[in-house]
């Protein structure tokens, strides 16, 4: 199988180093359009669609294989191999933040830096851990998805975006959710919201930027603090914005934070 076609990979920009952008649940690579172009003058910019999303090969989505996030991490690594990329920067949003973490743990030589945008290693609350959701919350969410996916999408996207003053952003996110195959979306939602990657965090040695939103219903501030405490080589930057999608609602702030993190690497290359 041609993995570049499978994941609908697009490449632009210049430079010896690559930046790979991986989207979150219910989205596709188009969601990076306000951020990724800012790096094309310095980096080889790689965009992809997770299998099951966007213009990826939907026939490649095997629920048994994609029952864990590691399968998506392996796909990202296959893309990096196909493009012969080493020491890349992987920028992952939401669930793809953990996908990036898993990929970097498995093949650290291919991923030199990670940028985690609105990440969470576990959405469920636990003893000594605040993830943001109780078990009953997740069960209700998944049941609603099963019974009325379009209704669920219309109800949850305003919560995810959290910018009532900018309804066009919520509409875009809702359209993206609605354009996702409902069967795949429901399966991926279970994998996402029931995942627990806390035990993987101590295995990561890759320099990591955690981009946390000041108000985020899906990944509260406690999650960013937890990640920063458990990732040995991490920086935490709390963005002064609300919602779970700062690359859409606050792209310039997001770009500035990534640039600040990447600057030492740029200087080293000169």
C-alpha atoms as a PDB file:
ATOM      1  CA  UNK A   1       0.000   0.000   0.000  1.00  0.00           C
ATOM      2  CA  UNK A   2       1.195   3.519  -0.837  1.00  0.00           C
ATOM      3  CA  UNK A   3       1.211   5.108   2.599  1.00  0.00           C
ATOM      4  CA  UNK A   4       1.396   8.627   1.168  1.00  0.00           C
ATOM      5  CA  UNK A   5      -1.867   8.048  -0.687  1.00  0.00           C
ATOM      6  CA  UNK A   6      -3.357   6.185   2.257  1.00  0.00           C
ATOM      7  CA  UNK A   7      -2.854   9.208   4.502  1.00  0.00           C
ATOM      8  CA  UNK A   8      -3.411  11.806   1.754  1.00  0.00           C
ATOM      9  CA  UNK A   9       0.009  13.322   2.430  1.00  0.00           C
ATOM     10  CA  UNK A  10       0.817  16.765   1.043  1.00  0.00           C
ATOM     11  CA  UNK A  11       4.263  18.373   1.189  1.00  0.00           C
ATOM     12  CA  UNK A  12       5.205  22.023   0.765  1.00  0.00           C
ATOM     13  CA  UNK A  13       7.836  24.493   1.885  1.00  0.00           C
ATOM     14  CA  UNK A  14      11.611  24.407   1.908  1.00  0.00           C
ATOM     15  CA  UNK A  15      14.361  23.570   4.321  1.00  0.00           C
ATOM     16  CA  UNK A  16      16.335  20.590   5.516  1.00  0.00           C
ATOM     17  CA  UNK A  17      14.122  19.995   8.552  1.00  0.00           C
ATOM     18  CA  UNK A  18      10.484  18.884   8.418  1.00  0.00           C
ATOM     19  CA  UNK A  19       7.428  19.900  10.402  1.00  0.00           C
ATOM     20  CA  UNK A  20       4.648  17.322  10.355  1.00  0.00           C
ATOM     21  CA  UNK A  21       1.149  18.473  11.327  1.00  0.00           C
ATOM     22  CA  UNK A  22      -1.362  15.893  12.570  1.00  0.00           C
ATOM     23  CA  UNK A  23      -5.014  16.855  13.140  1.00  0.00           C
ATOM     24  CA  UNK A  24      -7.423  15.960  15.930  1.00  0.00           C
ATOM     25  CA  UNK A  25     -10.637  13.951  16.150  1.00  0.00           C
ATOM     26  CA  UNK A  26     -13.278  14.681  13.510  1.00  0.00           C
ATOM     27  CA  UNK A  27     -10.927  16.930  11.559  1.00  0.00           C
ATOM     28  CA  UNK A  28      -8.435  16.729   8.702  1.00  0.00           C
ATOM     29  CA  UNK A  29      -5.291  18.480   7.537  1.00  0.00           C
ATOM     30  CA  UNK A  30      -7.264  21.508   6.322  1.00  0.00           C
ATOM     31  CA  UNK A  31      -7.596  22.571   9.944  1.00  0.00           C
ATOM     32  CA  UNK A  32      -3.913  23.574   9.926  1.00  0.00           C
ATOM     33  CA  UNK A  33      -4.340  26.077   7.077  1.00  0.00           C
ATOM     34  CA  UNK A  34      -3.960  29.115   9.379  1.00  0.00           C
ATOM     35  CA  UNK A  35      -0.771  27.836  11.045  1.00  0.00           C
ATOM     36  CA  UNK A  36       1.226  25.524   8.774  1.00  0.00           C
ATOM     37  CA  UNK A  37       1.946  28.065   5.964  1.00  0.00           C
ATOM     38  CA  UNK A  38       3.800  30.263   8.468  1.00  0.00           C
ATOM     39  CA  UNK A  39       6.600  27.674   8.536  1.00  0.00           C
ATOM     40  CA  UNK A  40       6.924  26.965   4.808  1.00  0.00           C
ATOM     41  CA  UNK A  41       9.762  29.469   4.343  1.00  0.00           C
ATOM     42  CA  UNK A  42      11.964  27.576   6.820  1.00  0.00           C
ATOM     43  CA  UNK A  43      10.710  24.006   6.973  1.00  0.00           C
ATOM     44  CA  UNK A  44       9.477  21.209   4.788  1.00  0.00           C
ATOM     45  CA  UNK A  45       5.819  21.184   5.839  1.00  0.00           C
ATOM     46  CA  UNK A  46       4.074  17.815   5.814  1.00  0.00           C
ATOM     47  CA  UNK A  47       0.306  17.497   6.223  1.00  0.00           C
ATOM     48  CA  UNK A  48      -1.623  14.250   6.456  1.00  0.00           C
ATOM     49  CA  UNK A  49      -5.047  12.832   7.215  1.00  0.00           C
ATOM     50  CA  UNK A  50      -5.320  10.091   9.795  1.00  0.00           C
ATOM     51  CA  UNK A  51      -6.746   6.922   8.285  1.00  0.00           C
ATOM     52  CA  UNK A  52     -10.515   7.282   8.500  1.00  0.00           C
ATOM     53  CA  UNK A  53     -10.442  11.078   8.223  1.00  0.00           C
ATOM     54  CA  UNK A  54     -10.491  13.626   5.431  1.00  0.00           C
ATOM     55  CA  UNK A  55      -9.360  12.291   2.074  1.00  0.00           C
ATOM     56  CA  UNK A  56      -7.488   9.326   3.506  1.00  0.00           C
ATOM     57  CA  UNK A  57      -8.200   5.840   2.207  1.00  0.00           C
ATOM     58  CA  UNK A  58     -11.295   4.957   4.239  1.00  0.00           C
ATOM     59  CA  UNK A  59     -11.064   1.328   3.111  1.00  0.00           C
ATOM     60  CA  UNK A  60      -7.814   1.075   5.095  1.00  0.00           C
ATOM     61  CA  UNK A  61      -9.643   1.688   8.362  1.00  0.00           C
ATOM     62  CA  UNK A  62      -9.709  -1.628  10.197  1.00  0.00           C
ATOM     63  CA  UNK A  63     -11.415  -1.264  13.604  1.00  0.00           C
ATOM     64  CA  UNK A  64      -9.361  -4.123  15.022  1.00  0.00           C
ATOM     65  CA  UNK A  65      -6.077  -2.515  13.980  1.00  0.00           C
ATOM     66  CA  UNK A  66      -7.110   0.971  15.046  1.00  0.00           C
ATOM     67  CA  UNK A  67      -8.369  -0.136  18.444  1.00  0.00           C
ATOM     68  CA  UNK A  68      -5.439   1.729  20.015  1.00  0.00           C
ATOM     69  CA  UNK A  69      -3.713   5.019  19.248  1.00  0.00           C
ATOM     70  CA  UNK A  70      -0.454   3.158  18.582  1.00  0.00           C
ATOM     71  CA  UNK A  71      -1.734   2.121  15.139  1.00  0.00           C
ATOM     72  CA  UNK A  72      -2.091   5.774  14.132  1.00  0.00           C
ATOM     73  CA  UNK A  73       1.371   6.478  15.580  1.00  0.00           C
ATOM     74  CA  UNK A  74       2.744   3.666  13.442  1.00  0.00           C
ATOM     75  CA  UNK A  75       1.064   5.242  10.401  1.00  0.00           C
ATOM     76  CA  UNK A  76       2.784   8.558  11.121  1.00  0.00           C
ATOM     77  CA  UNK A  77       6.116   6.757  11.338  1.00  0.00           C
ATOM     78  CA  UNK A  78       5.424   5.012   8.032  1.00  0.00           C
ATOM     79  CA  UNK A  79       4.860   8.427   6.444  1.00  0.00           C
ATOM     80  CA  UNK A  80       8.144   9.703   7.893  1.00  0.00           C
ATOM     81  CA  UNK A  81       9.951   6.661   6.516  1.00  0.00           C
ATOM     82  CA  UNK A  82       8.340   7.031   3.100  1.00  0.00           C
ATOM     83  CA  UNK A  83       9.568  10.640   2.957  1.00  0.00           C
ATOM     84  CA  UNK A  84      12.963   9.680   4.458  1.00  0.00           C
ATOM     85  CA  UNK A  85      12.526  12.171   7.284  1.00  0.00           C
ATOM     86  CA  UNK A  86      14.754  12.268  10.360  1.00  0.00           C
ATOM     87  CA  UNK A  87      14.758  14.701  13.296  1.00  0.00           C
ATOM     88  CA  UNK A  88      11.367  16.075  12.290  1.00  0.00           C
ATOM     89  CA  UNK A  89       9.101  18.202  14.441  1.00  0.00           C
ATOM     90  CA  UNK A  90       5.662  16.659  14.892  1.00  0.00           C
ATOM     91  CA  UNK A  91       2.820  19.022  15.774  1.00  0.00           C
ATOM     92  CA  UNK A  92      -0.208  17.116  17.034  1.00  0.00           C
ATOM     93  CA  UNK A  93      -3.595  18.480  18.022  1.00  0.00           C
ATOM     94  CA  UNK A  94      -5.729  16.895  20.745  1.00  0.00           C
ATOM     95  CA  UNK A  95      -5.694  13.097  20.349  1.00  0.00           C
ATOM     96  CA  UNK A  96      -2.858  13.399  17.833  1.00  0.00           C
ATOM     97  CA  UNK A  97      -0.701  14.937  20.532  1.00  0.00           C
ATOM     98  CA  UNK A  98      -0.589  11.507  22.168  1.00  0.00           C
ATOM     99  CA  UNK A  99      -0.203   9.887  18.754  1.00  0.00           C
ATOM    100  CA  UNK A 100       2.918  12.027  18.322  1.00  0.00           C
ATOM    101  CA  UNK A 101       4.183  11.028  21.765  1.00  0.00           C
ATOM    102  CA  UNK A 102       3.778   7.332  20.954  1.00  0.00           C
ATOM    103  CA  UNK A 103       5.542   7.763  17.615  1.00  0.00           C
ATOM    104  CA  UNK A 104       8.469   9.607  19.211  1.00  0.00           C
ATOM    105  CA  UNK A 105       8.858   6.915  21.868  1.00  0.00           C
ATOM    106  CA  UNK A 106       8.962   4.185  19.235  1.00  0.00           C
ATOM    107  CA  UNK A 107      11.404   5.908  16.852  1.00  0.00           C
ATOM    108  CA  UNK A 108      13.098   8.847  18.575  1.00  0.00           C
ATOM    109  CA  UNK A 109      15.612   9.321  15.757  1.00  0.00           C
ATOM    110  CA  UNK A 110      12.852  10.363  13.400  1.00  0.00           C
ATOM    111  CA  UNK A 111      11.246  12.909  15.731  1.00  0.00           C
ATOM    112  CA  UNK A 112      13.485  15.554  17.279  1.00  0.00           C
ATOM    113  CA  UNK A 113      10.761  17.782  18.754  1.00  0.00           C
ATOM    114  CA  UNK A 114       7.098  17.574  19.647  1.00  0.00           C
ATOM    115  CA  UNK A 115       4.468  20.297  19.837  1.00  0.00           C
ATOM    116  CA  UNK A 116       1.366  19.125  21.689  1.00  0.00           C
ATOM    117  CA  UNK A 117      -1.637  21.367  21.028  1.00  0.00           C
ATOM    118  CA  UNK A 118      -4.432  20.963  23.607  1.00  0.00           C
ATOM    119  CA  UNK A 119      -3.198  17.486  24.617  1.00  0.00           C
ATOM    120  CA  UNK A 120      -4.556  15.009  27.135  1.00  0.00           C
ATOM    121  CA  UNK A 121      -3.087  11.643  28.171  1.00  0.00           C
ATOM    122  CA  UNK A 122      -6.433  10.606  29.712  1.00  0.00           C
ATOM    123  CA  UNK A 123      -9.845  12.273  29.530  1.00  0.00           C
ATOM    124  CA  UNK A 124     -11.343  10.376  32.460  1.00  0.00           C
ATOM    125  CA  UNK A 125     -10.822  11.546  36.028  1.00  0.00           C
ATOM    126  CA  UNK A 126      -8.945   9.108  38.247  1.00  0.00           C
ATOM    127  CA  UNK A 127      -7.578   8.974  41.769  1.00  0.00           C
ATOM    128  CA  UNK A 128      -5.093  11.832  41.975  1.00  0.00           C
ATOM    129  CA  UNK A 129      -5.743  12.842  38.384  1.00  0.00           C
ATOM    130  CA  UNK A 130      -8.118  15.374  36.825  1.00  0.00           C
ATOM    131  CA  UNK A 131      -8.901  14.562  33.201  1.00  0.00           C
ATOM    132  CA  UNK A 132     -12.105  16.572  32.959  1.00  0.00           C
ATOM    133  CA  UNK A 133     -14.708  13.805  32.595  1.00  0.00           C
ATOM    134  CA  UNK A 134     -16.370  11.233  34.817  1.00  0.00           C
ATOM    135  CA  UNK A 135     -17.073   7.738  33.490  1.00  0.00           C
ATOM    136  CA  UNK A 136     -20.794   8.557  33.278  1.00  0.00           C
ATOM    137  CA  UNK A 137     -19.990  11.638  31.148  1.00  0.00           C
ATOM    138  CA  UNK A 138     -18.077   9.575  28.603  1.00  0.00           C
ATOM    139  CA  UNK A 139     -20.697   6.837  28.524  1.00  0.00           C
ATOM    140  CA  UNK A 140     -23.414   9.426  27.878  1.00  0.00           C
ATOM    141  CA  UNK A 141     -21.299  11.066  25.178  1.00  0.00           C
ATOM    142  CA  UNK A 142     -20.692   7.775  23.382  1.00  0.00           C
ATOM    143  CA  UNK A 143     -24.335   6.714  23.696  1.00  0.00           C
ATOM    144  CA  UNK A 144     -25.482  10.013  22.196  1.00  0.00           C
ATOM    145  CA  UNK A 145     -23.056   9.542  19.312  1.00  0.00           C
ATOM    146  CA  UNK A 146     -24.488   6.087  18.677  1.00  0.00           C
ATOM    147  CA  UNK A 147     -28.088   7.293  18.724  1.00  0.00           C
ATOM    148  CA  UNK A 148     -27.767  10.628  16.917  1.00  0.00           C
ATOM    149  CA  UNK A 149     -24.333  11.451  15.571  1.00  0.00           C
ATOM    150  CA  UNK A 150     -25.353  14.648  13.764  1.00  0.00           C
ATOM    151  CA  UNK A 151     -27.235  15.904  16.809  1.00  0.00           C
ATOM    152  CA  UNK A 152     -24.252  15.108  19.011  1.00  0.00           C
ATOM    153  CA  UNK A 153     -21.975  16.994  16.651  1.00  0.00           C
ATOM    154  CA  UNK A 154     -24.203  20.080  16.681  1.00  0.00           C
ATOM    155  CA  UNK A 155     -24.308  20.035  20.471  1.00  0.00           C
ATOM    156  CA  UNK A 156     -20.647  19.434  21.243  1.00  0.00           C
ATOM    157  CA  UNK A 157     -18.861  21.596  18.669  1.00  0.00           C
ATOM    158  CA  UNK A 158     -19.808  24.887  20.402  1.00  0.00           C
ATOM    159  CA  UNK A 159     -18.332  23.453  23.621  1.00  0.00           C
ATOM    160  CA  UNK A 160     -15.146  22.378  21.868  1.00  0.00           C
ATOM    161  CA  UNK A 161     -14.650  25.669  20.040  1.00  0.00           C
ATOM    162  CA  UNK A 162     -15.840  27.862  22.957  1.00  0.00           C
ATOM    163  CA  UNK A 163     -15.992  31.059  20.925  1.00  0.00           C
ATOM    164  CA  UNK A 164     -19.673  32.043  20.772  1.00  0.00           C
ATOM    165  CA  UNK A 165     -18.615  35.403  19.331  1.00  0.00           C
ATOM    166  CA  UNK A 166     -17.232  33.606  16.267  1.00  0.00           C
ATOM    167  CA  UNK A 167     -19.976  31.246  15.095  1.00  0.00           C
ATOM    168  CA  UNK A 168     -18.184  30.604  11.816  1.00  0.00           C
ATOM    169  CA  UNK A 169     -15.527  28.603  13.681  1.00  0.00           C
ATOM    170  CA  UNK A 170     -18.131  26.405  15.332  1.00  0.00           C
ATOM    171  CA  UNK A 171     -19.864  25.933  11.981  1.00  0.00           C
ATOM    172  CA  UNK A 172     -16.606  24.850  10.359  1.00  0.00           C
ATOM    173  CA  UNK A 173     -15.873  22.339  13.091  1.00  0.00           C
ATOM    174  CA  UNK A 174     -19.413  20.996  12.954  1.00  0.00           C
ATOM    175  CA  UNK A 175     -19.183  20.599   9.177  1.00  0.00           C
ATOM    176  CA  UNK A 176     -15.918  18.715   9.589  1.00  0.00           C
ATOM    177  CA  UNK A 177     -17.482  16.374  12.128  1.00  0.00           C
ATOM    178  CA  UNK A 178     -20.513  15.834   9.907  1.00  0.00           C
ATOM    179  CA  UNK A 179     -18.325  15.021   6.904  1.00  0.00           C
ATOM    180  CA  UNK A 180     -16.575  12.247   8.837  1.00  0.00           C
ATOM    181  CA  UNK A 181     -17.885   8.727   8.322  1.00  0.00           C
ATOM    182  CA  UNK A 182     -20.156   8.235  11.380  1.00  0.00           C
ATOM    183  CA  UNK A 183     -19.193   4.607  11.897  1.00  0.00           C
ATOM    184  CA  UNK A 184     -15.493   5.449  11.908  1.00  0.00           C
ATOM    185  CA  UNK A 185     -16.077   8.534  14.056  1.00  0.00           C
ATOM    186  CA  UNK A 186     -17.947   6.558  16.702  1.00  0.00           C
ATOM    187  CA  UNK A 187     -15.190   3.935  16.848  1.00  0.00           C
ATOM    188  CA  UNK A 188     -12.400   6.503  16.959  1.00  0.00           C
ATOM    189  CA  UNK A 189     -14.261   8.419  19.685  1.00  0.00           C
ATOM    190  CA  UNK A 190     -14.243   5.323  21.897  1.00  0.00           C
ATOM    191  CA  UNK A 191     -10.547   4.784  21.291  1.00  0.00           C
ATOM    192  CA  UNK A 192      -9.850   8.454  22.009  1.00  0.00           C
ATOM    193  CA  UNK A 193     -11.971   9.105  25.082  1.00  0.00           C
ATOM    194  CA  UNK A 194     -11.196   5.780  26.758  1.00  0.00           C
ATOM    195  CA  UNK A 195      -7.451   5.898  26.100  1.00  0.00           C
ATOM    196  CA  UNK A 196      -4.942   6.211  28.915  1.00  0.00           C
ATOM    197  CA  UNK A 197      -1.384   7.111  27.950  1.00  0.00           C
ATOM    198  CA  UNK A 198      -0.162   8.277  31.336  1.00  0.00           C
ATOM    199  CA  UNK A 199       2.177   5.308  31.682  1.00  0.00           C
ATOM    200  CA  UNK A 200       3.835   6.231  28.380  1.00  0.00           C
ATOM    201  CA  UNK A 201       4.871   9.714  29.467  1.00  0.00           C
ATOM    202  CA  UNK A 202       8.026   8.753  31.427  1.00  0.00           C
ATOM    203  CA  UNK A 203       9.309   6.904  28.340  1.00  0.00           C
ATOM    204  CA  UNK A 204       9.515  10.118  26.293  1.00  0.00           C
ATOM    205  CA  UNK A 205      12.824  11.986  26.100  1.00  0.00           C
ATOM    206  CA  UNK A 206      12.000  14.196  23.114  1.00  0.00           C
ATOM    207  CA  UNK A 207      11.956  17.972  23.747  1.00  0.00           C
ATOM    208  CA  UNK A 208       8.280  18.866  23.951  1.00  0.00           C
ATOM    209  CA  UNK A 209       6.172  22.006  23.917  1.00  0.00           C
ATOM    210  CA  UNK A 210       2.774  21.733  25.614  1.00  0.00           C
ATOM    211  CA  UNK A 211       0.343  24.341  24.296  1.00  0.00           C
ATOM    212  CA  UNK A 212      -2.533  24.625  26.755  1.00  0.00           C
ATOM    213  CA  UNK A 213      -5.573  26.870  26.389  1.00  0.00           C
ATOM    214  CA  UNK A 214      -6.492  28.927  29.447  1.00  0.00           C
ATOM    215  CA  UNK A 215     -10.098  27.665  29.298  1.00  0.00           C
ATOM    216  CA  UNK A 216     -10.626  24.269  27.690  1.00  0.00           C
ATOM    217  CA  UNK A 217     -13.545  21.983  28.570  1.00  0.00           C
ATOM    218  CA  UNK A 218     -11.824  18.946  27.039  1.00  0.00           C
ATOM    219  CA  UNK A 219      -8.353  19.485  28.497  1.00  0.00           C
ATOM    220  CA  UNK A 220      -8.465  21.602  31.674  1.00  0.00           C
ATOM    221  CA  UNK A 221      -5.408  23.364  33.066  1.00  0.00           C
ATOM    222  CA  UNK A 222      -4.727  20.494  35.441  1.00  0.00           C
ATOM    223  CA  UNK A 223      -4.021  18.277  32.417  1.00  0.00           C
ATOM    224  CA  UNK A 224      -1.343  20.607  31.104  1.00  0.00           C
ATOM    225  CA  UNK A 225       0.262  20.761  34.548  1.00  0.00           C
ATOM    226  CA  UNK A 226       0.205  16.970  34.774  1.00  0.00           C
ATOM    227  CA  UNK A 227       1.881  16.580  31.385  1.00  0.00           C
ATOM    228  CA  UNK A 228       4.541  19.150  32.242  1.00  0.00           C
ATOM    229  CA  UNK A 229       5.305  17.341  35.498  1.00  0.00           C
ATOM    230  CA  UNK A 230       5.538  13.925  33.851  1.00  0.00           C
ATOM    231  CA  UNK A 231       7.388  14.813  30.640  1.00  0.00           C
ATOM    232  CA  UNK A 232      11.045  15.158  31.529  1.00  0.00           C
ATOM    233  CA  UNK A 233      12.012  17.545  28.734  1.00  0.00           C
ATOM    234  CA  UNK A 234       8.944  19.746  28.382  1.00  0.00           C
ATOM    235  CA  UNK A 235       7.855  23.364  28.314  1.00  0.00           C
ATOM    236  CA  UNK A 236       4.312  24.473  29.196  1.00  0.00           C
ATOM    237  CA  UNK A 237       2.831  27.505  27.471  1.00  0.00           C
ATOM    238  CA  UNK A 238      -0.692  28.489  28.514  1.00  0.00           C
ATOM    239  CA  UNK A 239      -2.301  30.434  25.684  1.00  0.00           C
ATOM    240  CA  UNK A 240      -4.641  33.266  26.585  1.00  0.00           C
ATOM    241  CA  UNK A 241      -7.578  31.856  24.657  1.00  0.00           C
ATOM    242  CA  UNK A 242     -10.546  29.598  25.246  1.00  0.00           C
ATOM    243  CA  UNK A 243     -11.614  26.381  23.585  1.00  0.00           C
ATOM    244  CA  UNK A 244      -9.813  23.315  22.327  1.00  0.00           C
ATOM    245  CA  UNK A 245      -8.683  24.557  18.895  1.00  0.00           C
ATOM    246  CA  UNK A 246      -6.215  27.442  19.241  1.00  0.00           C
ATOM    247  CA  UNK A 247      -4.849  26.776  15.744  1.00  0.00           C
ATOM    248  CA  UNK A 248      -8.243  27.975  14.479  1.00  0.00           C
ATOM    249  CA  UNK A 249      -9.303  30.503  17.109  1.00  0.00           C
ATOM    250  CA  UNK A 250      -5.872  32.021  17.865  1.00  0.00           C
ATOM    251  CA  UNK A 251      -3.548  31.056  15.006  1.00  0.00           C
ATOM    252  CA  UNK A 252      -1.094  33.932  15.395  1.00  0.00           C
ATOM    253  CA  UNK A 253      -0.675  33.234  19.096  1.00  0.00           C
ATOM    254  CA  UNK A 254      -0.159  29.564  18.300  1.00  0.00           C
ATOM    255  CA  UNK A 255       2.417  30.358  15.604  1.00  0.00           C
ATOM    256  CA  UNK A 256       4.313  32.689  17.949  1.00  0.00           C
ATOM    257  CA  UNK A 257       4.476  30.038  20.676  1.00  0.00           C
ATOM    258  CA  UNK A 258       5.766  27.403  18.249  1.00  0.00           C
ATOM    259  CA  UNK A 259       8.328  29.813  16.817  1.00  0.00           C
ATOM    260  CA  UNK A 260       9.644  30.568  20.300  1.00  0.00           C
ATOM    261  CA  UNK A 261      10.057  26.863  20.939  1.00  0.00           C
ATOM    262  CA  UNK A 262      11.694  26.207  17.563  1.00  0.00           C
ATOM    263  CA  UNK A 263      14.108  29.158  17.608  1.00  0.00           C
ATOM    264  CA  UNK A 264      16.984  27.385  19.427  1.00  0.00           C
ATOM    265  CA  UNK A 265      16.817  24.602  16.831  1.00  0.00           C
ATOM    266  CA  UNK A 266      16.957  27.148  13.994  1.00  0.00           C
ATOM    267  CA  UNK A 267      20.007  28.844  15.515  1.00  0.00           C
ATOM    268  CA  UNK A 268      21.736  25.468  15.859  1.00  0.00           C
ATOM    269  CA  UNK A 269      21.231  24.796  12.155  1.00  0.00           C
ATOM    270  CA  UNK A 270      22.788  28.076  11.001  1.00  0.00           C
END
